[in-house]
Amino acid sequence: MERPELSITMERAPDEAIFRLAGEIDVLTVARLSAMVNEILAEPPARIILDMSGVTFCDSQGLGTLVVLSRKAQHARSLLALTNVGDFLLRVLDITGLRSALMISSTA
């Protein structure tokens, strides 16, 4: 079985950090995503954007991590928002009731 991959690139501006994600967000990849967002939260921008346009899969560990990161951002007085969320992930968020726990933006 191939190990899932998650590519993460980050752009930083004074008031915003944009993480472009591609691949799978799951039990094997969430630690890296968490570490990168937590690093940004040391000196939080006003907004943290997770661009989900390249995400092909998200398991329960990934969903939980997104919620935890959103709450950590709130505590740091930053806003974490998901953008370019695919239909499959929106459906999963609806089914699990987590859509209301995350800020979903239609534009980056």
C-alpha atoms as a PDB file:
ATOM      1  CA  MET A   1       0.000   0.000   0.000  1.00  0.00           C
ATOM      2  CA  GLU A   2       1.338   3.412  -0.944  1.00  0.00           C
ATOM      3  CA  ARG A   3       1.802   5.982   1.768  1.00  0.00           C
ATOM      4  CA  PRO A   4      -0.574   8.915   1.292  1.00  0.00           C
ATOM      5  CA  GLU A   5       1.099  12.199   0.515  1.00  0.00           C
ATOM      6  CA  LEU A   6       0.136  15.728   1.428  1.00  0.00           C
ATOM      7  CA  SER A   7       1.888  18.586  -0.303  1.00  0.00           C
ATOM      8  CA  ILE A   8       1.798  21.873   1.617  1.00  0.00           C
ATOM      9  CA  THR A   9       3.067  25.181   0.299  1.00  0.00           C
ATOM     10  CA  MET A  10       2.741  28.391   2.270  1.00  0.00           C
ATOM     11  CA  GLU A  11       2.687  32.058   1.323  1.00  0.00           C
ATOM     12  CA  ARG A  12       2.938  34.658   4.068  1.00  0.00           C
ATOM     13  CA  ALA A  13       1.847  38.289   3.961  1.00  0.00           C
ATOM     14  CA  PRO A  14       1.741  40.640   6.974  1.00  0.00           C
ATOM     15  CA  ASP A  15      -1.950  39.984   7.679  1.00  0.00           C
ATOM     16  CA  GLU A  16      -2.433  36.557   6.096  1.00  0.00           C
ATOM     17  CA  ALA A  17      -0.909  33.099   5.651  1.00  0.00           C
ATOM     18  CA  ILE A  18      -2.148  30.892   2.825  1.00  0.00           C
ATOM     19  CA  PHE A  19      -1.506  27.150   2.927  1.00  0.00           C
ATOM     20  CA  ARG A  20      -2.123  25.386  -0.378  1.00  0.00           C
ATOM     21  CA  LEU A  21      -2.863  21.728   0.291  1.00  0.00           C
ATOM     22  CA  ALA A  22      -2.746  18.895  -2.236  1.00  0.00           C
ATOM     23  CA  GLY A  23      -3.269  15.221  -1.537  1.00  0.00           C
ATOM     24  CA  GLU A  24      -4.695  13.402   1.449  1.00  0.00           C
ATOM     25  CA  ILE A  25      -5.348  14.768   4.930  1.00  0.00           C
ATOM     26  CA  ASP A  26      -5.347  11.702   7.144  1.00  0.00           C
ATOM     27  CA  VAL A  27      -3.818  10.015  10.159  1.00  0.00           C
ATOM     28  CA  LEU A  28      -0.443   9.804   8.369  1.00  0.00           C
ATOM     29  CA  THR A  29      -0.291  13.441   7.223  1.00  0.00           C
ATOM     30  CA  VAL A  30      -2.043  15.558   9.873  1.00  0.00           C
ATOM     31  CA  ALA A  31       1.035  15.942  12.089  1.00  0.00           C
ATOM     32  CA  ARG A  32       2.850  17.892   9.374  1.00  0.00           C
ATOM     33  CA  LEU A  33      -0.147  20.135   8.710  1.00  0.00           C
ATOM     34  CA  SER A  34      -0.590  20.773  12.441  1.00  0.00           C
ATOM     35  CA  ALA A  35       3.094  21.577  12.892  1.00  0.00           C
ATOM     36  CA  MET A  36       3.080  24.118  10.055  1.00  0.00           C
ATOM     37  CA  VAL A  37      -0.087  25.891  11.255  1.00  0.00           C
ATOM     38  CA  ASN A  38       1.084  25.844  14.887  1.00  0.00           C
ATOM     39  CA  GLU A  39       4.357  27.451  13.789  1.00  0.00           C
ATOM     40  CA  ILE A  40       2.421  30.305  12.147  1.00  0.00           C
ATOM     41  CA  LEU A  41       0.309  30.708  15.302  1.00  0.00           C
ATOM     42  CA  ALA A  42       3.448  31.660  17.255  1.00  0.00           C
ATOM     43  CA  GLU A  43       3.064  35.071  15.560  1.00  0.00           C
ATOM     44  CA  PRO A  44      -0.457  34.798  14.160  1.00  0.00           C
ATOM     45  CA  PRO A  45      -1.632  36.779  11.160  1.00  0.00           C
ATOM     46  CA  ALA A  46      -5.196  38.086  11.081  1.00  0.00           C
ATOM     47  CA  ARG A  47      -6.200  35.269   8.695  1.00  0.00           C
ATOM     48  CA  ILE A  48      -4.968  31.772   7.998  1.00  0.00           C
ATOM     49  CA  ILE A  49      -6.321  30.320   4.766  1.00  0.00           C
ATOM     50  CA  LEU A  50      -6.249  26.618   4.003  1.00  0.00           C
ATOM     51  CA  ASP A  51      -6.703  26.291   0.234  1.00  0.00           C
ATOM     52  CA  MET A  52      -8.290  22.869  -0.136  1.00  0.00           C
ATOM     53  CA  SER A  53      -8.471  22.825  -3.967  1.00  0.00           C
ATOM     54  CA  GLY A  54      -5.951  19.986  -4.244  1.00  0.00           C
ATOM     55  CA  VAL A  55      -7.264  17.849  -1.387  1.00  0.00           C
ATOM     56  CA  THR A  56      -8.379  14.432  -2.624  1.00  0.00           C
ATOM     57  CA  PHE A  57      -9.264  12.773   0.703  1.00  0.00           C
ATOM     58  CA  CYS A  58      -9.864  13.671   4.337  1.00  0.00           C
ATOM     59  CA  ASP A  59     -10.435  11.058   7.054  1.00  0.00           C
ATOM     60  CA  SER A  60     -11.817  11.516  10.567  1.00  0.00           C
ATOM     61  CA  GLN A  61      -8.358  12.382  11.924  1.00  0.00           C
ATOM     62  CA  GLY A  62      -8.074  15.066   9.255  1.00  0.00           C
ATOM     63  CA  LEU A  63     -11.502  16.487  10.091  1.00  0.00           C
ATOM     64  CA  GLY A  64     -10.669  16.580  13.784  1.00  0.00           C
ATOM     65  CA  THR A  65      -7.371  18.297  13.066  1.00  0.00           C
ATOM     66  CA  LEU A  66      -9.088  21.006  11.006  1.00  0.00           C
ATOM     67  CA  VAL A  67     -11.456  21.720  13.913  1.00  0.00           C
ATOM     68  CA  VAL A  68      -8.609  21.773  16.466  1.00  0.00           C
ATOM     69  CA  LEU A  69      -6.541  24.130  14.286  1.00  0.00           C
ATOM     70  CA  SER A  70      -9.546  26.406  13.846  1.00  0.00           C
ATOM     71  CA  ARG A  71     -10.003  26.612  17.626  1.00  0.00           C
ATOM     72  CA  LYS A  72      -6.279  27.216  18.204  1.00  0.00           C
ATOM     73  CA  ALA A  73      -6.414  30.058  15.682  1.00  0.00           C
ATOM     74  CA  GLN A  74      -9.397  31.584  17.500  1.00  0.00           C
ATOM     75  CA  HIS A  75      -7.513  31.446  20.795  1.00  0.00           C
ATOM     76  CA  ALA A  76      -4.597  33.215  19.078  1.00  0.00           C
ATOM     77  CA  ARG A  77      -7.035  35.887  17.809  1.00  0.00           C
ATOM     78  CA  SER A  78      -6.672  34.739  14.220  1.00  0.00           C
ATOM     79  CA  LEU A  79      -9.281  33.463  11.774  1.00  0.00           C
ATOM     80  CA  LEU A  80      -8.707  30.106  10.096  1.00  0.00           C
ATOM     81  CA  ALA A  81     -10.778  29.633   6.956  1.00  0.00           C
ATOM     82  CA  LEU A  82     -11.032  26.869   4.387  1.00  0.00           C
ATOM     83  CA  THR A  83     -11.325  27.900   0.773  1.00  0.00           C
ATOM     84  CA  ASN A  84     -11.871  25.998  -2.491  1.00  0.00           C
ATOM     85  CA  VAL A  85     -13.491  23.141  -0.589  1.00  0.00           C
ATOM     86  CA  GLY A  86     -14.547  20.335  -2.920  1.00  0.00           C
ATOM     87  CA  ASP A  87     -18.039  18.868  -3.044  1.00  0.00           C
ATOM     88  CA  PHE A  88     -16.903  15.599  -1.452  1.00  0.00           C
ATOM     89  CA  LEU A  89     -15.481  17.386   1.584  1.00  0.00           C
ATOM     90  CA  LEU A  90     -18.491  19.690   1.917  1.00  0.00           C
ATOM     91  CA  ARG A  91     -20.694  16.588   1.945  1.00  0.00           C
ATOM     92  CA  VAL A  92     -18.546  14.948   4.640  1.00  0.00           C
ATOM     93  CA  LEU A  93     -18.666  18.147   6.717  1.00  0.00           C
ATOM     94  CA  ASP A  94     -22.449  18.230   6.360  1.00  0.00           C
ATOM     95  CA  ILE A  95     -22.866  14.557   7.282  1.00  0.00           C
ATOM     96  CA  THR A  96     -20.629  14.873  10.351  1.00  0.00           C
ATOM     97  CA  GLY A  97     -22.136  18.186  11.445  1.00  0.00           C
ATOM     98  CA  LEU A  98     -18.712  19.852  11.334  1.00  0.00           C
ATOM     99  CA  ARG A  99     -19.528  22.364   8.628  1.00  0.00           C
ATOM    100  CA  SER A 100     -20.756  24.816  11.266  1.00  0.00           C
ATOM    101  CA  ALA A 101     -17.533  24.353  13.280  1.00  0.00           C
ATOM    102  CA  LEU A 102     -15.349  25.612  10.422  1.00  0.00           C
ATOM    103  CA  MET A 103     -15.222  28.878   8.503  1.00  0.00           C
ATOM    104  CA  ILE A 104     -15.636  28.079   4.813  1.00  0.00           C
ATOM    105  CA  SER A 105     -14.857  30.887   2.413  1.00  0.00           C
ATOM    106  CA  SER A 106     -15.778  30.916  -1.256  1.00  0.00           C
ATOM    107  CA  THR A 107     -12.719  32.998  -2.171  1.00  0.00           C
ATOM    108  CA  ALA A 108      -9.127  33.154  -0.992  1.00  0.00           C
END
